[in-house]
C-alpha atoms as a PDB file:
ATOM      1  CA  UNK A   1     -39.122   2.965  62.163  1.00  0.00           C
ATOM      2  CA  UNK A   2     -36.403   0.181  63.023  1.00  0.00           C
ATOM      3  CA  UNK A   3     -33.752  -0.169  60.350  1.00  0.00           C
ATOM      4  CA  UNK A   4     -35.162  -2.541  57.603  1.00  0.00           C
ATOM      5  CA  UNK A   5     -32.441  -4.254  55.494  1.00  0.00           C
ATOM      6  CA  UNK A   6     -33.923  -6.113  52.531  1.00  0.00           C
ATOM      7  CA  UNK A   7     -31.413  -8.193  50.288  1.00  0.00           C
ATOM      8  CA  UNK A   8     -31.178 -10.240  47.577  1.00  0.00           C
ATOM      9  CA  UNK A   9     -28.290 -12.308  45.937  1.00  0.00           C
ATOM     10  CA  UNK A  10     -27.374 -13.495  42.357  1.00  0.00           C
ATOM     11  CA  UNK A  11     -24.925 -16.577  42.204  1.00  0.00           C
ATOM     12  CA  UNK A  12     -22.835 -18.229  39.384  1.00  0.00           C
ATOM     13  CA  UNK A  13     -21.439 -21.754  39.608  1.00  0.00           C
ATOM     14  CA  UNK A  14     -18.289 -21.938  41.750  1.00  0.00           C
ATOM     15  CA  UNK A  15     -15.877 -23.077  38.991  1.00  0.00           C
ATOM     16  CA  UNK A  16     -12.866 -23.137  41.382  1.00  0.00           C
ATOM     17  CA  UNK A  17     -14.779 -25.159  43.877  1.00  0.00           C
ATOM     18  CA  UNK A  18     -15.996 -27.502  41.041  1.00  0.00           C
ATOM     19  CA  UNK A  19     -12.345 -28.131  39.916  1.00  0.00           C
ATOM     20  CA  UNK A  20     -11.192 -28.757  43.610  1.00  0.00           C
ATOM     21  CA  UNK A  21     -13.857 -31.301  44.215  1.00  0.00           C
ATOM     22  CA  UNK A  22     -13.728 -33.170  40.796  1.00  0.00           C
ATOM     23  CA  UNK A  23     -11.190 -34.697  38.551  1.00  0.00           C
ATOM     24  CA  UNK A  24     -11.773 -32.570  35.570  1.00  0.00           C
ATOM     25  CA  UNK A  25      -9.230 -32.118  32.945  1.00  0.00           C
ATOM     26  CA  UNK A  26      -7.122 -29.004  33.290  1.00  0.00           C
ATOM     27  CA  UNK A  27      -8.003 -28.260  29.502  1.00  0.00           C
ATOM     28  CA  UNK A  28     -11.674 -27.585  30.133  1.00  0.00           C
ATOM     29  CA  UNK A  29     -12.611 -23.963  30.374  1.00  0.00           C
ATOM     30  CA  UNK A  30     -14.578 -22.438  33.132  1.00  0.00           C
ATOM     31  CA  UNK A  31     -17.673 -22.589  30.917  1.00  0.00           C
ATOM     32  CA  UNK A  32     -16.834 -26.267  29.963  1.00  0.00           C
ATOM     33  CA  UNK A  33     -16.495 -27.015  33.617  1.00  0.00           C
ATOM     34  CA  UNK A  34     -19.673 -25.300  34.704  1.00  0.00           C
ATOM     35  CA  UNK A  35     -21.756 -27.097  31.710  1.00  0.00           C
ATOM     36  CA  UNK A  36     -20.257 -30.352  32.645  1.00  0.00           C
ATOM     37  CA  UNK A  37     -21.302 -30.239  36.296  1.00  0.00           C
ATOM     38  CA  UNK A  38     -24.701 -29.026  35.553  1.00  0.00           C
ATOM     39  CA  UNK A  39     -25.126 -31.775  33.072  1.00  0.00           C
ATOM     40  CA  UNK A  40     -23.822 -34.181  35.782  1.00  0.00           C
ATOM     41  CA  UNK A  41     -26.280 -32.444  38.345  1.00  0.00           C
ATOM     42  CA  UNK A  42     -29.216 -32.854  35.960  1.00  0.00           C
ATOM     43  CA  UNK A  43     -28.726 -36.611  35.211  1.00  0.00           C
ATOM     44  CA  UNK A  44     -28.637 -37.312  38.919  1.00  0.00           C
ATOM     45  CA  UNK A  45     -31.425 -35.084  39.805  1.00  0.00           C
ATOM     46  CA  UNK A  46     -33.385 -33.989  36.675  1.00  0.00           C
ATOM     47  CA  UNK A  47     -32.302 -30.315  37.401  1.00  0.00           C
ATOM     48  CA  UNK A  48     -29.084 -28.571  36.347  1.00  0.00           C
ATOM     49  CA  UNK A  49     -29.356 -26.403  39.443  1.00  0.00           C
ATOM     50  CA  UNK A  50     -26.138 -26.754  41.584  1.00  0.00           C
ATOM     51  CA  UNK A  51     -25.931 -27.407  45.205  1.00  0.00           C
ATOM     52  CA  UNK A  52     -26.188 -24.386  47.063  1.00  0.00           C
ATOM     53  CA  UNK A  53     -22.650 -24.507  48.617  1.00  0.00           C
ATOM     54  CA  UNK A  54     -21.147 -24.548  45.059  1.00  0.00           C
ATOM     55  CA  UNK A  55     -23.161 -21.285  44.028  1.00  0.00           C
ATOM     56  CA  UNK A  56     -20.597 -18.392  44.110  1.00  0.00           C
ATOM     57  CA  UNK A  57     -22.071 -15.018  44.945  1.00  0.00           C
ATOM     58  CA  UNK A  58     -21.671 -12.413  42.198  1.00  0.00           C
ATOM     59  CA  UNK A  59     -24.135  -9.737  43.659  1.00  0.00           C
ATOM     60  CA  UNK A  60     -25.685  -8.700  46.860  1.00  0.00           C
ATOM     61  CA  UNK A  61     -28.418  -5.871  46.423  1.00  0.00           C
ATOM     62  CA  UNK A  62     -29.957  -4.124  49.469  1.00  0.00           C
ATOM     63  CA  UNK A  63     -32.841  -1.750  50.243  1.00  0.00           C
ATOM     64  CA  UNK A  64     -31.920   0.069  53.581  1.00  0.00           C
ATOM     65  CA  UNK A  65     -34.671   2.048  55.163  1.00  0.00           C
ATOM     66  CA  UNK A  66     -34.161   3.874  58.393  1.00  0.00           C
ATOM     67  CA  UNK A  67     -34.907   7.110  60.172  1.00  0.00           C
ATOM     68  CA  UNK A  68     -32.276   9.714  60.712  1.00  0.00           C
ATOM     69  CA  UNK A  69     -31.501  11.081  64.240  1.00  0.00           C
ATOM     70  CA  UNK A  70     -33.535  14.066  63.258  1.00  0.00           C
ATOM     71  CA  UNK A  71     -36.703  11.912  62.550  1.00  0.00           C
ATOM     72  CA  UNK A  72     -36.489  11.971  58.693  1.00  0.00           C
ATOM     73  CA  UNK A  73     -37.010   8.885  56.909  1.00  0.00           C
ATOM     74  CA  UNK A  74     -33.913   7.661  54.571  1.00  0.00           C
ATOM     75  CA  UNK A  75     -33.847   4.938  52.039  1.00  0.00           C
ATOM     76  CA  UNK A  76     -30.983   3.731  49.999  1.00  0.00           C
ATOM     77  CA  UNK A  77     -31.130   1.244  47.074  1.00  0.00           C
ATOM     78  CA  UNK A  78     -27.627  -0.406  45.901  1.00  0.00           C
ATOM     79  CA  UNK A  79     -25.413  -3.250  45.402  1.00  0.00           C
ATOM     80  CA  UNK A  80     -22.609  -3.908  47.761  1.00  0.00           C
ATOM     81  CA  UNK A  81     -18.995  -3.411  46.720  1.00  0.00           C
ATOM     82  CA  UNK A  82     -18.088  -2.841  43.332  1.00  0.00           C
ATOM     83  CA  UNK A  83     -18.384  -4.900  40.069  1.00  0.00           C
ATOM     84  CA  UNK A  84     -14.734  -5.790  40.498  1.00  0.00           C
ATOM     85  CA  UNK A  85     -14.906  -6.925  44.119  1.00  0.00           C
ATOM     86  CA  UNK A  86     -14.335 -10.642  44.821  1.00  0.00           C
ATOM     87  CA  UNK A  87     -16.873 -12.809  46.731  1.00  0.00           C
ATOM     88  CA  UNK A  88     -15.446 -12.220  50.278  1.00  0.00           C
ATOM     89  CA  UNK A  89     -15.650  -8.493  50.085  1.00  0.00           C
ATOM     90  CA  UNK A  90     -19.419  -8.608  48.996  1.00  0.00           C
ATOM     91  CA  UNK A  91     -20.319 -11.189  52.008  1.00  0.00           C
ATOM     92  CA  UNK A  92     -18.299  -9.488  54.535  1.00  0.00           C
ATOM     93  CA  UNK A  93     -19.756  -5.990  53.631  1.00  0.00           C
ATOM     94  CA  UNK A  94     -23.387  -7.389  54.105  1.00  0.00           C
ATOM     95  CA  UNK A  95     -22.551  -8.909  57.446  1.00  0.00           C
ATOM     96  CA  UNK A  96     -20.735  -5.647  58.467  1.00  0.00           C
ATOM     97  CA  UNK A  97     -24.347  -3.979  57.824  1.00  0.00           C
ATOM     98  CA  UNK A  98     -25.854  -6.336  60.141  1.00  0.00           C
ATOM     99  CA  UNK A  99     -23.334  -5.651  62.738  1.00  0.00           C
ATOM    100  CA  UNK A 100     -23.616  -2.014  62.400  1.00  0.00           C
ATOM    101  CA  UNK A 101     -27.446  -1.711  62.328  1.00  0.00           C
ATOM    102  CA  UNK A 102     -28.870  -4.944  63.778  1.00  0.00           C
ATOM    103  CA  UNK A 103     -31.735  -4.409  61.037  1.00  0.00           C
ATOM    104  CA  UNK A 104     -34.828  -6.247  60.408  1.00  0.00           C
ATOM    105  CA  UNK A 105     -33.664  -8.558  57.508  1.00  0.00           C
ATOM    106  CA  UNK A 106     -36.251  -9.141  54.861  1.00  0.00           C
ATOM    107  CA  UNK A 107     -36.086 -11.356  51.975  1.00  0.00           C
ATOM    108  CA  UNK A 108     -38.044 -13.487  49.525  1.00  0.00           C
ATOM    109  CA  UNK A 109     -36.937 -16.977  49.782  1.00  0.00           C
ATOM    110  CA  UNK A 110     -33.891 -15.996  52.029  1.00  0.00           C
ATOM    111  CA  UNK A 111     -34.402 -18.981  54.279  1.00  0.00           C
ATOM    112  CA  UNK A 112     -34.370 -21.372  51.457  1.00  0.00           C
ATOM    113  CA  UNK A 113     -31.569 -19.925  49.203  1.00  0.00           C
ATOM    114  CA  UNK A 114     -30.041 -16.589  50.112  1.00  0.00           C
ATOM    115  CA  UNK A 115     -28.969 -17.335  53.732  1.00  0.00           C
ATOM    116  CA  UNK A 116     -27.769 -20.770  53.281  1.00  0.00           C
ATOM    117  CA  UNK A 117     -25.491 -19.734  50.273  1.00  0.00           C
ATOM    118  CA  UNK A 118     -24.240 -16.688  52.415  1.00  0.00           C
ATOM    119  CA  UNK A 119     -23.575 -19.225  55.190  1.00  0.00           C
ATOM    120  CA  UNK A 120     -21.609 -21.755  53.125  1.00  0.00           C
ATOM    121  CA  UNK A 121     -19.757 -18.977  51.321  1.00  0.00           C
ATOM    122  CA  UNK A 122     -18.919 -17.266  54.296  1.00  0.00           C
ATOM    123  CA  UNK A 123     -17.402 -20.241  55.824  1.00  0.00           C
ATOM    124  CA  UNK A 124     -15.271 -20.535  52.630  1.00  0.00           C
ATOM    125  CA  UNK A 125     -14.011 -17.168  52.672  1.00  0.00           C
ATOM    126  CA  UNK A 126     -13.250 -16.605  56.210  1.00  0.00           C
ATOM    127  CA  UNK A 127     -15.926 -14.100  56.858  1.00  0.00           C
ATOM    128  CA  UNK A 128     -16.799 -13.095  60.454  1.00  0.00           C
ATOM    129  CA  UNK A 129     -20.390 -12.448  61.505  1.00  0.00           C
ATOM    130  CA  UNK A 130     -20.936 -12.294  65.117  1.00  0.00           C
ATOM    131  CA  UNK A 131     -24.007 -10.204  65.434  1.00  0.00           C
ATOM    132  CA  UNK A 132     -25.729 -12.286  62.762  1.00  0.00           C
ATOM    133  CA  UNK A 133     -25.201 -15.500  64.683  1.00  0.00           C
ATOM    134  CA  UNK A 134     -25.852 -14.040  67.820  1.00  0.00           C
ATOM    135  CA  UNK A 135     -28.393 -16.339  69.891  1.00  0.00           C
ATOM    136  CA  UNK A 136     -28.286 -15.298  73.606  1.00  0.00           C
ATOM    137  CA  UNK A 137     -25.107 -16.408  74.686  1.00  0.00           C
ATOM    138  CA  UNK A 138     -22.611 -13.390  74.523  1.00  0.00           C
ATOM    139  CA  UNK A 139     -22.066 -10.638  77.047  1.00  0.00           C
ATOM    140  CA  UNK A 140     -23.657  -7.874  75.187  1.00  0.00           C
ATOM    141  CA  UNK A 141     -26.176  -5.995  76.783  1.00  0.00           C
ATOM    142  CA  UNK A 142     -29.177  -6.857  74.436  1.00  0.00           C
ATOM    143  CA  UNK A 143     -27.835 -10.501  74.175  1.00  0.00           C
ATOM    144  CA  UNK A 144     -30.839 -12.040  76.060  1.00  0.00           C
ATOM    145  CA  UNK A 145     -33.101 -10.683  73.355  1.00  0.00           C
ATOM    146  CA  UNK A 146     -31.529 -12.822  70.807  1.00  0.00           C
ATOM    147  CA  UNK A 147     -32.565 -16.020  72.784  1.00  0.00           C
ATOM    148  CA  UNK A 148     -36.219 -15.339  71.917  1.00  0.00           C
ATOM    149  CA  UNK A 149     -35.785 -13.380  68.789  1.00  0.00           C
ATOM    150  CA  UNK A 150     -32.633 -13.927  66.382  1.00  0.00           C
ATOM    151  CA  UNK A 151     -31.617 -14.155  62.696  1.00  0.00           C
ATOM    152  CA  UNK A 152     -31.289 -18.055  62.850  1.00  0.00           C
ATOM    153  CA  UNK A 153     -34.509 -19.556  63.879  1.00  0.00           C
ATOM    154  CA  UNK A 154     -37.168 -20.031  61.565  1.00  0.00           C
ATOM    155  CA  UNK A 155     -40.091 -18.597  63.428  1.00  0.00           C
ATOM    156  CA  UNK A 156     -38.342 -15.665  64.746  1.00  0.00           C
ATOM    157  CA  UNK A 157     -38.824 -12.293  63.212  1.00  0.00           C
ATOM    158  CA  UNK A 158     -35.408 -10.457  63.022  1.00  0.00           C
ATOM    159  CA  UNK A 159     -35.282 -12.360  59.403  1.00  0.00           C
ATOM    160  CA  UNK A 160     -38.453 -12.247  57.842  1.00  0.00           C
ATOM    161  CA  UNK A 161     -38.666 -14.612  54.684  1.00  0.00           C
ATOM    162  CA  UNK A 162     -41.943 -13.191  53.224  1.00  0.00           C
ATOM    163  CA  UNK A 163     -42.306 -15.964  50.795  1.00  0.00           C
ATOM    164  CA  UNK A 164     -41.835 -18.649  53.672  1.00  0.00           C
ATOM    165  CA  UNK A 165     -44.278 -16.780  56.036  1.00  0.00           C
ATOM    166  CA  UNK A 166     -46.945 -16.130  53.525  1.00  0.00           C
ATOM    167  CA  UNK A 167     -47.038 -19.684  52.513  1.00  0.00           C
ATOM    168  CA  UNK A 168     -47.271 -20.755  56.207  1.00  0.00           C
ATOM    169  CA  UNK A 169     -44.283 -22.667  55.921  1.00  0.00           C
ATOM    170  CA  UNK A 170     -45.530 -24.922  53.298  1.00  0.00           C
ATOM    171  CA  UNK A 171     -43.318 -25.221  50.339  1.00  0.00           C
ATOM    172  CA  UNK A 172     -46.063 -26.393  48.109  1.00  0.00           C
ATOM    173  CA  UNK A 173     -47.905 -23.029  48.675  1.00  0.00           C
ATOM    174  CA  UNK A 174     -44.880 -20.921  47.691  1.00  0.00           C
ATOM    175  CA  UNK A 175     -45.515 -18.039  45.417  1.00  0.00           C
ATOM    176  CA  UNK A 176     -43.061 -16.345  43.139  1.00  0.00           C
ATOM    177  CA  UNK A 177     -42.070 -12.807  43.832  1.00  0.00           C
ATOM    178  CA  UNK A 178     -42.371 -11.612  40.318  1.00  0.00           C
ATOM    179  CA  UNK A 179     -46.028 -13.061  39.964  1.00  0.00           C
ATOM    180  CA  UNK A 180     -47.220 -11.795  43.486  1.00  0.00           C
ATOM    181  CA  UNK A 181     -45.585  -8.286  43.107  1.00  0.00           C
ATOM    182  CA  UNK A 182     -47.572  -7.792  39.774  1.00  0.00           C
ATOM    183  CA  UNK A 183     -50.635  -8.957  41.147  1.00  0.00           C
ATOM    184  CA  UNK A 184     -50.152  -6.201  43.778  1.00  0.00           C
ATOM    185  CA  UNK A 185     -49.616  -3.518  41.288  1.00  0.00           C
ATOM    186  CA  UNK A 186     -45.810  -3.651  41.372  1.00  0.00           C
ATOM    187  CA  UNK A 187     -43.539  -3.661  38.498  1.00  0.00           C
ATOM    188  CA  UNK A 188     -42.069  -7.314  39.060  1.00  0.00           C
ATOM    189  CA  UNK A 189     -38.839  -8.673  37.511  1.00  0.00           C
ATOM    190  CA  UNK A 190     -37.047  -6.689  35.117  1.00  0.00           C
ATOM    191  CA  UNK A 191     -34.047  -7.290  32.529  1.00  0.00           C
ATOM    192  CA  UNK A 192     -33.629 -10.871  33.201  1.00  0.00           C
ATOM    193  CA  UNK A 193     -34.189 -13.830  35.618  1.00  0.00           C
ATOM    194  CA  UNK A 194     -31.878 -16.159  37.835  1.00  0.00           C
ATOM    195  CA  UNK A 195     -31.369 -18.640  34.892  1.00  0.00           C
ATOM    196  CA  UNK A 196     -29.726 -15.891  32.908  1.00  0.00           C
ATOM    197  CA  UNK A 197     -27.213 -14.539  35.114  1.00  0.00           C
ATOM    198  CA  UNK A 198     -24.419 -17.138  34.312  1.00  0.00           C
ATOM    199  CA  UNK A 199     -24.638 -16.541  30.661  1.00  0.00           C
ATOM    200  CA  UNK A 200     -24.663 -12.724  31.331  1.00  0.00           C
ATOM    201  CA  UNK A 201     -21.617 -13.000  33.742  1.00  0.00           C
ATOM    202  CA  UNK A 202     -19.783 -14.965  30.971  1.00  0.00           C
ATOM    203  CA  UNK A 203     -20.430 -12.061  28.594  1.00  0.00           C
ATOM    204  CA  UNK A 204     -19.040  -9.596  30.800  1.00  0.00           C
ATOM    205  CA  UNK A 205     -22.352  -7.965  31.901  1.00  0.00           C
ATOM    206  CA  UNK A 206     -22.001  -7.848  35.441  1.00  0.00           C
ATOM    207  CA  UNK A 207     -23.377  -4.255  35.776  1.00  0.00           C
ATOM    208  CA  UNK A 208     -26.523  -5.595  34.049  1.00  0.00           C
ATOM    209  CA  UNK A 209     -26.604  -8.376  36.595  1.00  0.00           C
ATOM    210  CA  UNK A 210     -26.094  -5.786  39.520  1.00  0.00           C
ATOM    211  CA  UNK A 211     -29.105  -3.555  38.172  1.00  0.00           C
ATOM    212  CA  UNK A 212     -31.292  -6.319  37.863  1.00  0.00           C
ATOM    213  CA  UNK A 213     -30.687  -7.439  41.350  1.00  0.00           C
ATOM    214  CA  UNK A 214     -31.468  -4.149  42.530  1.00  0.00           C
ATOM    215  CA  UNK A 215     -35.043  -4.056  40.857  1.00  0.00           C
ATOM    216  CA  UNK A 216     -35.778  -7.348  42.442  1.00  0.00           C
ATOM    217  CA  UNK A 217     -34.625  -6.140  46.052  1.00  0.00           C
ATOM    218  CA  UNK A 218     -37.094  -3.191  45.529  1.00  0.00           C
ATOM    219  CA  UNK A 219     -39.995  -5.553  44.635  1.00  0.00           C
ATOM    220  CA  UNK A 220     -39.167  -7.348  47.832  1.00  0.00           C
ATOM    221  CA  UNK A 221     -39.460  -4.159  49.936  1.00  0.00           C
ATOM    222  CA  UNK A 222     -42.550  -3.045  48.122  1.00  0.00           C
ATOM    223  CA  UNK A 223     -44.089  -6.349  49.090  1.00  0.00           C
ATOM    224  CA  UNK A 224     -42.932  -5.911  52.727  1.00  0.00           C
ATOM    225  CA  UNK A 225     -44.711  -2.675  52.842  1.00  0.00           C
ATOM    226  CA  UNK A 226     -47.878  -4.477  51.525  1.00  0.00           C
ATOM    227  CA  UNK A 227     -47.354  -6.856  54.241  1.00  0.00           C
ATOM    228  CA  UNK A 228     -47.175  -4.661  57.005  1.00  0.00           C
ATOM    229  CA  UNK A 229     -50.284  -3.070  55.737  1.00  0.00           C
ATOM    230  CA  UNK A 230     -51.908  -6.612  55.932  1.00  0.00           C
ATOM    231  CA  UNK A 231     -50.683  -7.233  59.533  1.00  0.00           C
ATOM    232  CA  UNK A 232     -51.535  -3.620  60.960  1.00  0.00           C
ATOM    233  CA  UNK A 233     -47.819  -2.471  60.960  1.00  0.00           C
ATOM    234  CA  UNK A 234     -49.009   0.408  58.501  1.00  0.00           C
ATOM    235  CA  UNK A 235     -52.254   2.142  58.418  1.00  0.00           C
ATOM    236  CA  UNK A 236     -53.408   2.514  54.737  1.00  0.00           C
ATOM    237  CA  UNK A 237     -52.496   6.356  55.019  1.00  0.00           C
ATOM    238  CA  UNK A 238     -49.002   5.317  56.112  1.00  0.00           C
ATOM    239  CA  UNK A 239     -48.717   2.578  53.544  1.00  0.00           C
ATOM    240  CA  UNK A 240     -49.631   5.100  50.673  1.00  0.00           C
ATOM    241  CA  UNK A 241     -47.183   7.622  52.053  1.00  0.00           C
ATOM    242  CA  UNK A 242     -44.210   4.904  51.922  1.00  0.00           C
ATOM    243  CA  UNK A 243     -44.969   4.016  48.535  1.00  0.00           C
ATOM    244  CA  UNK A 244     -45.042   7.611  47.452  1.00  0.00           C
ATOM    245  CA  UNK A 245     -41.626   7.901  49.223  1.00  0.00           C
ATOM    246  CA  UNK A 246     -40.306   4.940  47.467  1.00  0.00           C
ATOM    247  CA  UNK A 247     -41.360   6.324  44.051  1.00  0.00           C
ATOM    248  CA  UNK A 248     -39.943   9.633  44.812  1.00  0.00           C
ATOM    249  CA  UNK A 249     -36.602   8.280  45.725  1.00  0.00           C
ATOM    250  CA  UNK A 250     -36.549   6.140  42.545  1.00  0.00           C
ATOM    251  CA  UNK A 251     -37.564   9.151  40.418  1.00  0.00           C
ATOM    252  CA  UNK A 252     -34.588  10.994  41.628  1.00  0.00           C
ATOM    253  CA  UNK A 253     -32.393   8.022  41.118  1.00  0.00           C
ATOM    254  CA  UNK A 254     -33.582   7.780  37.636  1.00  0.00           C
ATOM    255  CA  UNK A 255     -32.004  11.040  36.831  1.00  0.00           C
ATOM    256  CA  UNK A 256     -28.457   9.946  38.084  1.00  0.00           C
ATOM    257  CA  UNK A 257     -25.868   8.201  35.615  1.00  0.00           C
ATOM    258  CA  UNK A 258     -26.911   4.849  35.093  1.00  0.00           C
ATOM    259  CA  UNK A 259     -30.373   5.304  36.516  1.00  0.00           C
ATOM    260  CA  UNK A 260     -32.232   4.260  33.508  1.00  0.00           C
ATOM    261  CA  UNK A 261     -33.681   1.096  34.922  1.00  0.00           C
ATOM    262  CA  UNK A 262     -35.589   3.082  37.330  1.00  0.00           C
ATOM    263  CA  UNK A 263     -37.444   5.111  34.435  1.00  0.00           C
ATOM    264  CA  UNK A 264     -38.643   1.848  33.144  1.00  0.00           C
ATOM    265  CA  UNK A 265     -39.576   0.397  36.442  1.00  0.00           C
ATOM    266  CA  UNK A 266     -41.313   3.371  37.536  1.00  0.00           C
ATOM    267  CA  UNK A 267     -43.600   2.507  34.462  1.00  0.00           C
ATOM    268  CA  UNK A 268     -44.663  -0.598  35.807  1.00  0.00           C
ATOM    269  CA  UNK A 269     -46.727   0.484  38.849  1.00  0.00           C
ATOM    270  CA  UNK A 270     -50.209   0.297  38.397  1.00  0.00           C
ATOM    271  CA  UNK A 271     -52.848   2.501  40.076  1.00  0.00           C
ATOM    272  CA  UNK A 272     -53.929  -0.021  42.459  1.00  0.00           C
ATOM    273  CA  UNK A 273     -50.241  -0.432  43.981  1.00  0.00           C
END
């Protein structure tokens, strides 16, 4: 099995950027700056949602699924860096994983949100990501492959945006991860949703945000497994074996310190998962 890297990001308003781009009084707190910017955005567009380049990344969670040299399956779920690391460290660590493994990237709405945000914020933070941006122009041995299958082009498969593909690249047909995951018998979202991340961050609940992001990325990996069953990448037996493998890993993790979210998460599986 080729290395699969499933990813999900959580963001907060880029208060430093908002101050730089707007003539806000210095007396305003970070919370007041964000509230003012979101109110202005709502007045202009009808939504408080800030432009992607003004979204600061506060968490990147991943599932890494690979086969070891001895042929044994390996899976790891986690959030990159630490709760104290700044945005640049998180972004650079993500692209270093791409550099190391050249994985199959998998996301849910990664083309519409996660990757554009990563692009903009990588630019702002002097991040380097040559493998990710490879499009068949370098002198690497496998460079030619990237001309026909790279991470950037929408219809190539090195990055698989499950939401985009399942909707046949038709935004009106998009389905939410939470709803579709639950229809498939998986737990769905737990703890909070994206709209609650900024208030949680202001309250200092970054660890809670990181745990929420991890459950979301596991949902995406489970949906990827179901998609592999759909397209013939997994037989029914292989699919069931993989779901059992994921559950066994989560059961082990649930017994580790701070693994309580996996205890609750495992209860969310239904028999038809």
